[in-house]
Amino acid sequence: MVCFTHIVLFFFFAALSTIDTRSIQENSDVELLIQNRIIEKKQLSATIASYRHRFEHSPNFKKLRWALSEKLTPPYCEFCHLFVPAIRFLIEINETIHVENVTLALCKDIQLFLNIEVCVGAVLEYKDAAIEIFSMSPLTNKELCALAFDCEDQKDFPILRWNVTIPGSKPSPRPPQPPASGSPKLKVLHLSDIHVDFAYKPGTQADCHKPLCCRDGPTVPGPNGAGFWGDYRNCDLPYWTAQSILRYASELEEDIDFIYYTGDLPPHNVWNQSRADQLYSLTTINQLLAATFPNKTFYPAVGNHEAGIVVYFYLFFISFVSFLAPCNMYPTPSIRTDNITWLYEALADSWATLGLPADTRESIVRGAFYTTIVRPGLRLISLNMNYCAPENYWLFVNATDPLGQLQWVRFKIRQ
């Protein structure tokens, strides 16, 4: 890890000092443009040199260098305070290409710490989201680091506050009364975090250097190989195991009244997923559920993995210093370049086949939340809690109830 951080600093300085002059075709008509470009580059070089000097002499850099010399755990806050301004500086001067180039080169040098396939996949898939968040967020660098890595005691920054209007006065509490002896009961099955891996391959390495194993490469002898029905190491569930478990549950609990189904269907191959992968998981597993539990109503909630790699993100440099899954990322409606309607429309279609009434579709398409009456006297509300999760870094762009979901639930509860 010490070596890794030195490499990061090396490549960052290399990026600042080697911004190339773009070639312009030699033509008399563009001679003036060339001269202006040379002047701009000289000014840019001077700006970068000044920035590099301030960077090297900053207190945070000195703290980080001391920690490295003492071989301590990398200080994430000092790291954040150094590199968030650096990335924003490259964005400001329209040189974001260096963020990608430097991190791709870095992947080759940190193979001892992070699998190169995972590293390159993370860079290529997350760079656009990372740059857009850094560009659009109204938060200061200090506020970003405070929220991402708990670098400050204060987290209730004024920019994050908003009001939810609650009309009228608060009603007096009514303590719930216990049901009378012999009252009817409900039996509910709760399914969650299935994480089916359709590429699961028995016998393959179960303890690899990736977030997900048991799927690539040749089979290995002995205990290192993945079991047929699954493996408790870095592996997800084989499809045939999911089929067997669900079939067993349906046969054992025939008298269940309904099913809570709280998401997280895709596998953990978070560095190389696509929308097609996510939709395949969603469609295939929901078809399995509908076939296994006919005539049962499901009440789903969206998980933090359903959105797929298109909106997965964990701040750029953290992708290289930990194996924390870069999930939880649900864009807000203001993000035009990464619209998530494709997922919400698929959820609305799929959840309808699992028994949700037609009047839930509008709010599901809007933001994957809904309410419905389970039976007289029992209302169910399902919220998309990804818009309340601190790990959803799209909220760094807009955290003020971006879907109006909290205002909506206030209205529904008052009803």
Protein backbone atom coordinates (compact mmCIF):
# COMPACT_ATOMS: atom_id res chain seq x y z
CA MET A 1 0.00 0.00 0.00
CA VAL A 2 2.93 2.32 0.73
CA CYS A 3 4.36 1.56 -2.69
CA PHE A 4 0.94 2.17 -4.23
CA THR A 5 0.55 5.66 -2.80
CA HIS A 6 4.05 6.63 -3.92
CA ILE A 7 3.08 5.49 -7.41
CA VAL A 8 -0.09 7.57 -7.28
CA LEU A 9 1.90 10.67 -6.36
CA PHE A 10 4.49 9.93 -9.04
CA PHE A 11 1.91 9.61 -11.77
CA PHE A 12 0.06 12.68 -10.61
CA PHE A 13 3.22 14.77 -10.84
CA ALA A 14 3.94 13.20 -14.20
CA ALA A 15 0.48 14.23 -15.38
CA LEU A 16 1.02 17.81 -14.24
CA SER A 17 4.40 18.10 -15.92
CA THR A 18 3.77 16.33 -19.23
CA ILE A 19 0.55 17.81 -20.59
CA ASP A 20 1.22 17.61 -24.28
CA THR A 21 0.73 20.27 -26.92
CA ARG A 22 -1.99 19.09 -29.25
CA SER A 23 -0.95 19.00 -32.87
CA ILE A 24 -2.55 21.41 -35.29
CA GLN A 25 -2.22 20.96 -39.02
CA GLU A 26 0.29 23.33 -40.53
CA ASN A 27 -1.71 25.70 -42.62
CA SER A 28 -1.32 29.40 -43.21
CA ASP A 29 -4.99 29.89 -42.32
CA VAL A 30 -4.41 28.59 -38.79
CA GLU A 31 -1.02 30.17 -38.10
CA LEU A 32 -2.55 32.69 -35.72
CA LEU A 33 -4.38 29.89 -33.90
CA ILE A 34 -1.09 28.04 -33.47
CA GLN A 35 0.60 31.09 -31.99
CA ASN A 36 -2.28 31.64 -29.60
CA ARG A 37 -2.20 27.96 -28.63
CA ILE A 38 1.54 28.18 -27.86
CA ILE A 39 0.91 31.19 -25.63
CA GLU A 40 -1.95 29.36 -23.91
CA LYS A 41 0.28 26.33 -23.33
CA LYS A 42 3.04 28.45 -21.84
CA GLN A 43 0.53 30.03 -19.49
CA LEU A 44 -0.89 26.60 -18.69
CA SER A 45 2.57 25.21 -17.95
CA ALA A 46 3.27 28.09 -15.60
CA THR A 47 -0.06 27.51 -13.85
CA ILE A 48 0.64 23.80 -13.47
CA ALA A 49 4.14 24.43 -12.15
CA SER A 50 2.70 26.80 -9.56
CA TYR A 51 0.04 24.30 -8.59
CA ARG A 52 2.60 21.50 -8.30
CA HIS A 53 4.75 23.66 -6.01
CA ARG A 54 1.80 24.41 -3.73
CA PHE A 55 0.81 20.73 -3.81
CA GLU A 56 4.27 19.51 -2.71
CA HIS A 57 4.46 22.04 0.12
CA SER A 58 0.94 21.57 1.42
CA PRO A 59 0.49 20.35 5.03
CA ASN A 60 -1.56 17.37 3.81
CA PHE A 61 1.20 16.20 1.50
CA LYS A 62 3.70 16.42 4.35
CA LYS A 63 1.38 14.38 6.59
CA LEU A 64 0.94 11.78 3.88
CA ARG A 65 4.68 11.56 3.20
CA TRP A 66 5.37 11.14 6.93
CA ALA A 67 2.78 8.37 7.22
CA LEU A 68 4.35 6.59 4.26
CA SER A 69 7.84 6.86 5.71
CA GLU A 70 6.55 5.36 8.97
CA LYS A 71 4.79 2.58 7.01
CA LEU A 72 1.45 3.39 8.57
CA THR A 73 -1.97 2.58 7.11
CA PRO A 74 -2.59 5.06 4.28
CA PRO A 75 -4.33 8.11 5.77
CA TYR A 76 -7.43 8.33 3.60
CA CYS A 77 -8.35 11.85 4.69
CA GLU A 78 -4.94 13.29 3.78
CA PHE A 79 -5.16 11.34 0.53
CA CYS A 80 -8.59 12.80 -0.17
CA HIS A 81 -7.57 16.35 0.70
CA LEU A 82 -4.69 16.06 -1.78
CA PHE A 83 -6.36 14.44 -4.73
CA VAL A 84 -9.85 15.91 -4.82
CA PRO A 85 -8.36 19.38 -5.49
CA ALA A 86 -5.95 17.83 -8.01
CA ILE A 87 -8.72 16.14 -9.97
CA ARG A 88 -10.86 19.26 -9.87
CA PHE A 89 -7.88 21.27 -11.11
CA LEU A 90 -7.51 19.00 -14.15
CA ILE A 91 -11.24 19.33 -14.79
CA GLU A 92 -11.02 23.11 -14.55
CA ILE A 93 -8.28 23.33 -17.18
CA ASN A 94 -10.07 20.79 -19.40
CA GLU A 95 -7.32 18.18 -19.10
CA THR A 96 -9.41 15.31 -17.71
CA ILE A 97 -7.80 12.93 -20.20
CA HIS A 98 -4.91 12.75 -17.75
CA VAL A 99 -7.16 11.33 -15.04
CA GLU A 100 -7.87 8.34 -17.27
CA ASN A 101 -4.33 7.99 -18.67
CA VAL A 102 -2.65 8.20 -15.29
CA THR A 103 -4.99 5.73 -13.60
CA LEU A 104 -4.75 3.24 -16.47
CA ALA A 105 -0.97 3.38 -16.25
CA LEU A 106 -1.25 3.05 -12.50
CA CYS A 107 -3.18 -0.21 -12.88
CA LYS A 108 -0.07 -1.85 -14.35
CA ASP A 109 2.04 -0.79 -11.38
CA ILE A 110 -0.22 -1.92 -8.55
CA GLN A 111 -0.91 -5.47 -9.68
CA LEU A 112 0.45 -6.74 -6.35
CA PHE A 113 -2.41 -4.92 -4.61
CA LEU A 114 -5.26 -5.04 -7.10
CA ASN A 115 -6.05 -7.36 -10.00
CA ILE A 116 -5.28 -5.48 -13.22
CA GLU A 117 -8.51 -6.62 -14.91
CA VAL A 118 -10.55 -5.21 -12.04
CA CYS A 119 -8.47 -2.03 -11.98
CA VAL A 120 -8.73 -1.30 -15.71
CA GLY A 121 -12.42 -2.18 -15.74
CA ALA A 122 -13.06 0.18 -12.85
CA VAL A 123 -11.23 3.05 -14.56
CA LEU A 124 -12.98 2.66 -17.89
CA GLU A 125 -16.44 2.24 -16.40
CA TYR A 126 -16.33 4.81 -13.60
CA LYS A 127 -14.27 7.68 -15.00
CA ASP A 128 -17.16 9.56 -16.58
CA ALA A 129 -19.30 9.38 -13.45
CA ALA A 130 -16.35 10.41 -11.29
CA ILE A 131 -15.52 13.43 -13.42
CA GLU A 132 -19.16 14.49 -13.64
CA ILE A 133 -19.64 14.31 -9.88
CA PHE A 134 -16.48 16.31 -9.24
CA SER A 135 -17.58 18.84 -11.87
CA MET A 136 -21.21 19.28 -10.82
CA SER A 137 -21.02 19.01 -7.04
CA PRO A 138 -21.56 22.33 -5.25
CA LEU A 139 -19.72 20.93 -2.23
CA THR A 140 -16.27 22.21 -1.35
CA ASN A 141 -13.29 19.86 -1.39
CA LYS A 142 -13.36 19.74 2.41
CA GLU A 143 -17.07 18.90 2.45
CA LEU A 144 -16.60 16.12 -0.11
CA CYS A 145 -13.89 14.46 1.97
CA ALA A 146 -15.93 14.90 5.14
CA LEU A 147 -18.91 13.11 3.66
CA ALA A 148 -16.97 10.44 1.78
CA PHE A 149 -14.47 9.47 4.47
CA ASP A 150 -15.69 10.99 7.76
CA CYS A 151 -12.81 13.46 7.69
CA GLU A 152 -14.67 16.08 9.73
CA ASP A 153 -16.89 15.90 12.78
CA GLN A 154 -19.41 18.18 11.11
CA LYS A 155 -21.51 16.63 8.36
CA ASP A 156 -24.70 18.69 8.55
CA PHE A 157 -23.42 21.32 6.15
CA PRO A 158 -25.97 24.05 5.34
CA ILE A 159 -25.99 23.13 1.66
CA LEU A 160 -27.36 19.67 2.56
CA ARG A 161 -30.35 20.92 4.53
CA TRP A 162 -33.89 21.12 3.22
CA ASN A 163 -37.42 21.22 4.52
CA VAL A 164 -40.14 18.61 4.24
CA THR A 165 -43.48 20.35 4.64
CA ILE A 166 -45.77 18.70 7.19
CA PRO A 167 -49.06 20.58 7.26
CA GLY A 168 -51.25 20.66 10.33
CA SER A 169 -50.35 19.74 13.88
CA LYS A 170 -48.77 16.54 15.01
CA PRO A 171 -51.46 14.06 16.09
CA SER A 172 -51.42 12.58 19.54
CA PRO A 173 -49.67 9.21 19.70
CA ARG A 174 -51.84 6.13 19.75
CA PRO A 175 -49.96 3.21 21.29
CA PRO A 176 -50.62 -0.01 19.39
CA GLN A 177 -52.90 -2.47 21.08
CA PRO A 178 -51.81 -6.11 21.18
CA PRO A 179 -54.11 -8.40 19.22
CA ALA A 180 -56.56 -10.54 21.10
CA SER A 181 -55.71 -14.14 21.74
CA GLY A 182 -56.58 -16.30 18.78
CA SER A 183 -56.47 -13.45 16.27
CA PRO A 184 -55.53 -14.44 12.70
CA LYS A 185 -51.85 -14.26 11.78
CA LEU A 186 -49.96 -13.62 8.60
CA LYS A 187 -47.08 -15.75 7.37
CA VAL A 188 -44.56 -13.78 5.30
CA LEU A 189 -41.52 -15.05 3.39
CA HIS A 190 -38.66 -12.57 3.08
CA LEU A 191 -36.18 -12.97 0.21
CA SER A 192 -33.14 -10.68 -0.02
CA ASP A 193 -29.65 -10.45 -1.52
CA ILE A 194 -29.89 -13.46 -3.77
CA HIS A 195 -26.87 -12.33 -5.86
CA VAL A 196 -27.10 -15.07 -8.47
CA ASP A 197 -23.98 -15.60 -10.58
CA PHE A 198 -24.98 -17.04 -13.95
CA ALA A 199 -21.29 -17.56 -14.78
CA TYR A 200 -20.58 -19.67 -11.68
CA LYS A 201 -18.22 -22.52 -12.55
CA PRO A 202 -17.72 -25.38 -10.05
CA GLY A 203 -14.10 -26.24 -9.37
CA THR A 204 -12.63 -22.86 -10.28
CA GLN A 205 -10.55 -20.80 -7.88
CA ALA A 206 -12.72 -19.75 -4.92
CA ASP A 207 -10.22 -17.38 -3.33
CA CYS A 208 -8.91 -15.15 -6.09
CA HIS A 209 -7.77 -11.52 -6.12
CA LYS A 210 -11.05 -10.12 -7.41
CA PRO A 211 -14.28 -9.02 -5.74
CA LEU A 212 -15.92 -12.15 -7.21
CA CYS A 213 -14.41 -15.58 -7.78
CA CYS A 214 -15.69 -19.09 -8.71
CA ARG A 215 -16.28 -18.14 -12.33
CA ASP A 216 -13.07 -17.71 -14.36
CA GLY A 217 -10.14 -19.87 -15.40
CA PRO A 218 -9.43 -23.58 -15.20
CA THR A 219 -10.58 -25.84 -12.41
CA VAL A 220 -8.17 -26.32 -9.52
CA PRO A 221 -7.69 -29.47 -7.46
CA GLY A 222 -8.38 -29.84 -3.76
CA PRO A 223 -10.10 -27.44 -1.37
CA ASN A 224 -9.26 -24.32 -3.40
CA GLY A 225 -11.90 -25.22 -5.97
CA ALA A 226 -15.45 -23.89 -5.79
CA GLY A 227 -18.11 -26.33 -4.65
CA PHE A 228 -20.92 -27.43 -6.91
CA TRP A 229 -23.73 -25.86 -4.86
CA GLY A 230 -21.79 -22.74 -3.95
CA ASP A 231 -18.92 -21.58 -1.78
CA TYR A 232 -18.65 -19.44 1.34
CA ARG A 233 -15.54 -17.67 0.06
CA ASN A 234 -15.55 -14.85 -2.55
CA CYS A 235 -18.40 -16.34 -4.55
CA ASP A 236 -22.04 -15.73 -5.34
CA LEU A 237 -24.88 -18.22 -5.68
CA PRO A 238 -25.13 -20.60 -8.65
CA TYR A 239 -28.44 -20.37 -10.49
CA TRP A 240 -29.23 -24.02 -9.89
CA THR A 241 -28.77 -23.53 -6.15
CA ALA A 242 -31.18 -20.61 -6.19
CA GLN A 243 -33.68 -22.78 -8.04
CA SER A 244 -33.36 -25.55 -5.46
CA ILE A 245 -33.64 -23.26 -2.43
CA LEU A 246 -36.70 -21.46 -3.77
CA ARG A 247 -38.38 -24.72 -4.74
CA TYR A 248 -37.75 -26.09 -1.23
CA ALA A 249 -39.20 -22.93 0.35
CA SER A 250 -42.33 -23.10 -1.80
CA GLU A 251 -42.93 -26.74 -0.88
CA LEU A 252 -42.18 -26.27 2.82
CA GLU A 253 -44.22 -23.09 3.29
CA GLU A 254 -47.26 -23.54 1.10
CA ASP A 255 -49.44 -21.39 3.35
CA ILE A 256 -47.43 -18.16 3.13
CA ASP A 257 -49.64 -15.09 2.62
CA PHE A 258 -47.23 -12.95 0.63
CA ILE A 259 -43.52 -12.40 0.00
CA TYR A 260 -41.21 -9.49 0.84
CA TYR A 261 -38.53 -9.28 -1.80
CA THR A 262 -35.85 -6.69 -1.05
CA GLY A 263 -33.53 -6.77 -4.03
CA ASP A 264 -29.84 -7.25 -4.73
CA LEU A 265 -30.13 -9.78 -7.55
CA PRO A 266 -26.96 -9.30 -9.68
CA PRO A 267 -23.57 -10.83 -8.90
CA HIS A 268 -20.61 -8.86 -7.51
CA ASN A 269 -18.61 -8.60 -10.75
CA VAL A 270 -18.84 -4.86 -10.31
CA TRP A 271 -15.93 -4.01 -12.61
CA ASN A 272 -17.42 -5.40 -15.84
CA GLN A 273 -21.21 -5.26 -15.69
CA SER A 274 -23.56 -3.62 -18.17
CA ARG A 275 -27.19 -2.64 -18.39
CA ALA A 276 -27.84 -5.82 -20.36
CA ASP A 277 -26.32 -7.87 -17.52
CA GLN A 278 -28.51 -6.17 -14.93
CA LEU A 279 -31.67 -6.56 -16.95
CA TYR A 280 -30.90 -10.22 -17.59
CA SER A 281 -30.53 -10.85 -13.85
CA LEU A 282 -33.72 -8.95 -13.10
CA THR A 283 -35.81 -10.67 -15.77
CA THR A 284 -34.50 -14.20 -15.27
CA ILE A 285 -34.74 -14.26 -11.49
CA ASN A 286 -38.19 -12.66 -11.43
CA GLN A 287 -39.42 -15.22 -13.95
CA LEU A 288 -38.06 -17.94 -11.67
CA LEU A 289 -39.85 -16.44 -8.66
CA ALA A 290 -43.16 -16.13 -10.50
CA ALA A 291 -42.94 -19.73 -11.68
CA THR A 292 -41.90 -21.09 -8.27
CA PHE A 293 -44.52 -19.19 -6.26
CA PRO A 294 -47.61 -19.04 -8.49
CA ASN A 295 -50.59 -17.18 -7.07
CA LYS A 296 -48.42 -15.43 -4.48
CA THR A 297 -48.02 -11.65 -4.39
CA PHE A 298 -44.53 -10.20 -4.06
CA TYR A 299 -43.88 -6.79 -2.50
CA PRO A 300 -40.45 -5.79 -3.81
CA ALA A 301 -37.95 -3.09 -2.94
CA VAL A 302 -34.99 -2.11 -5.11
CA GLY A 303 -31.55 -3.07 -3.84
CA ASN A 304 -28.28 -1.18 -4.09
CA HIS A 305 -26.83 -3.50 -6.76
CA GLU A 306 -29.60 -3.38 -9.35
CA ALA A 307 -28.38 -0.23 -11.09
CA GLY A 308 -25.33 -1.93 -12.56
CA ILE A 309 -21.94 -0.65 -13.52
CA VAL A 310 -23.34 2.26 -15.50
CA VAL A 311 -24.14 4.04 -12.27
CA TYR A 312 -21.90 2.21 -9.83
CA PHE A 313 -19.12 4.39 -8.47
CA TYR A 314 -16.75 4.66 -5.58
CA LEU A 315 -14.57 7.74 -5.57
CA PHE A 316 -11.80 7.26 -8.11
CA PHE A 317 -8.83 6.58 -5.92
CA ILE A 318 -10.75 4.36 -3.51
CA SER A 319 -11.28 1.93 -6.38
CA PHE A 320 -7.54 1.29 -6.06
CA VAL A 321 -7.05 1.16 -2.31
CA SER A 322 -9.85 -1.12 -1.18
CA PHE A 323 -12.18 -3.83 -2.37
CA LEU A 324 -15.30 -1.99 -1.25
CA ALA A 325 -17.90 -2.71 -3.92
CA PRO A 326 -18.55 0.44 -5.97
CA CYS A 327 -22.28 0.16 -5.77
CA ASN A 328 -25.12 2.22 -4.26
CA MET A 329 -24.99 4.73 -7.10
CA TYR A 330 -28.40 5.96 -8.24
CA PRO A 331 -28.33 9.17 -10.32
CA THR A 332 -30.73 11.93 -9.39
CA PRO A 333 -33.15 13.35 -11.99
CA SER A 334 -30.82 16.31 -12.66
CA ILE A 335 -28.16 13.97 -14.11
CA ARG A 336 -28.93 13.94 -17.82
CA THR A 337 -25.86 11.99 -18.93
CA ASP A 338 -26.62 8.95 -16.77
CA ASN A 339 -30.38 8.55 -16.80
CA ILE A 340 -31.70 5.60 -14.79
CA THR A 341 -35.16 5.40 -16.33
CA TRP A 342 -34.13 2.20 -18.10
CA LEU A 343 -33.99 0.41 -14.73
CA TYR A 344 -37.15 1.89 -13.24
CA GLU A 345 -39.23 1.01 -16.30
CA ALA A 346 -37.89 -2.55 -16.20
CA LEU A 347 -38.71 -2.79 -12.49
CA ALA A 348 -42.25 -1.55 -13.10
CA ASP A 349 -42.81 -4.17 -15.81
CA SER A 350 -41.19 -6.97 -13.83
CA TRP A 351 -42.86 -6.17 -10.52
CA ALA A 352 -46.26 -6.12 -12.23
CA THR A 353 -45.74 -9.77 -13.19
CA LEU A 354 -45.10 -10.51 -9.48
CA GLY A 355 -48.50 -9.20 -8.48
CA LEU A 356 -48.24 -5.44 -7.87
CA PRO A 357 -51.38 -3.55 -8.94
CA ALA A 358 -51.33 -1.21 -11.93
CA ASP A 359 -51.70 1.93 -9.80
CA THR A 360 -48.15 1.47 -8.44
CA ARG A 361 -46.51 1.88 -11.84
CA GLU A 362 -46.35 5.67 -11.96
CA SER A 363 -44.23 6.09 -8.82
CA ILE A 364 -42.09 3.05 -9.65
CA VAL A 365 -41.15 4.56 -13.02
CA ARG A 366 -40.52 7.85 -11.25
CA GLY A 367 -38.14 6.45 -8.66
CA ALA A 368 -38.71 2.77 -7.71
CA PHE A 369 -40.99 3.51 -4.76
CA TYR A 370 -44.70 2.80 -4.29
CA THR A 371 -47.51 2.13 -1.86
CA THR A 372 -50.40 -0.32 -1.96
CA ILE A 373 -53.04 -1.88 0.25
CA VAL A 374 -52.09 -5.43 1.20
CA ARG A 375 -55.50 -6.04 2.77
CA PRO A 376 -58.04 -3.87 4.58
CA GLY A 377 -56.28 -2.04 7.40
CA LEU A 378 -52.76 -2.84 6.16
CA ARG A 379 -50.93 -0.38 3.88
CA LEU A 380 -47.43 -1.17 2.60
CA ILE A 381 -44.93 1.52 1.56
CA SER A 382 -41.77 0.55 -0.30
CA LEU A 383 -39.09 3.25 -0.54
CA ASN A 384 -35.98 3.54 -2.69
CA MET A 385 -33.47 4.02 0.11
CA ASN A 386 -30.58 4.44 -2.32
CA TYR A 387 -31.47 8.15 -2.29
CA CYS A 388 -30.87 8.22 1.45
CA ALA A 389 -27.61 6.24 1.43
CA PRO A 390 -24.39 8.15 2.18
CA GLU A 391 -22.59 5.83 -0.26
CA ASN A 392 -24.65 7.16 -3.18
CA TYR A 393 -22.18 9.81 -4.27
CA TRP A 394 -24.54 11.19 -6.90
CA LEU A 395 -26.12 12.86 -3.88
CA PHE A 396 -23.02 15.03 -3.77
CA VAL A 397 -24.59 16.80 -6.75
CA ASN A 398 -28.03 17.17 -5.18
CA ALA A 399 -29.04 15.72 -1.81
CA THR A 400 -32.22 17.70 -1.18
CA ASP A 401 -34.78 14.89 -1.54
CA PRO A 402 -34.08 14.70 -5.30
CA LEU A 403 -37.14 12.58 -6.13
CA GLY A 404 -39.51 14.30 -3.73
CA GLN A 405 -39.80 10.84 -2.19
CA LEU A 406 -39.84 12.01 1.43
CA GLN A 407 -42.51 14.59 0.68
CA TRP A 408 -44.50 11.85 -1.06
CA VAL A 409 -44.24 9.43 1.86
CA ARG A 410 -45.29 12.18 4.26
CA PHE A 411 -48.46 12.65 2.21
CA LYS A 412 -49.14 8.89 2.05
CA ILE A 413 -48.68 8.42 5.78
CA ARG A 414 -51.03 11.32 6.50
CA GLN A 415 -53.65 9.69 4.29
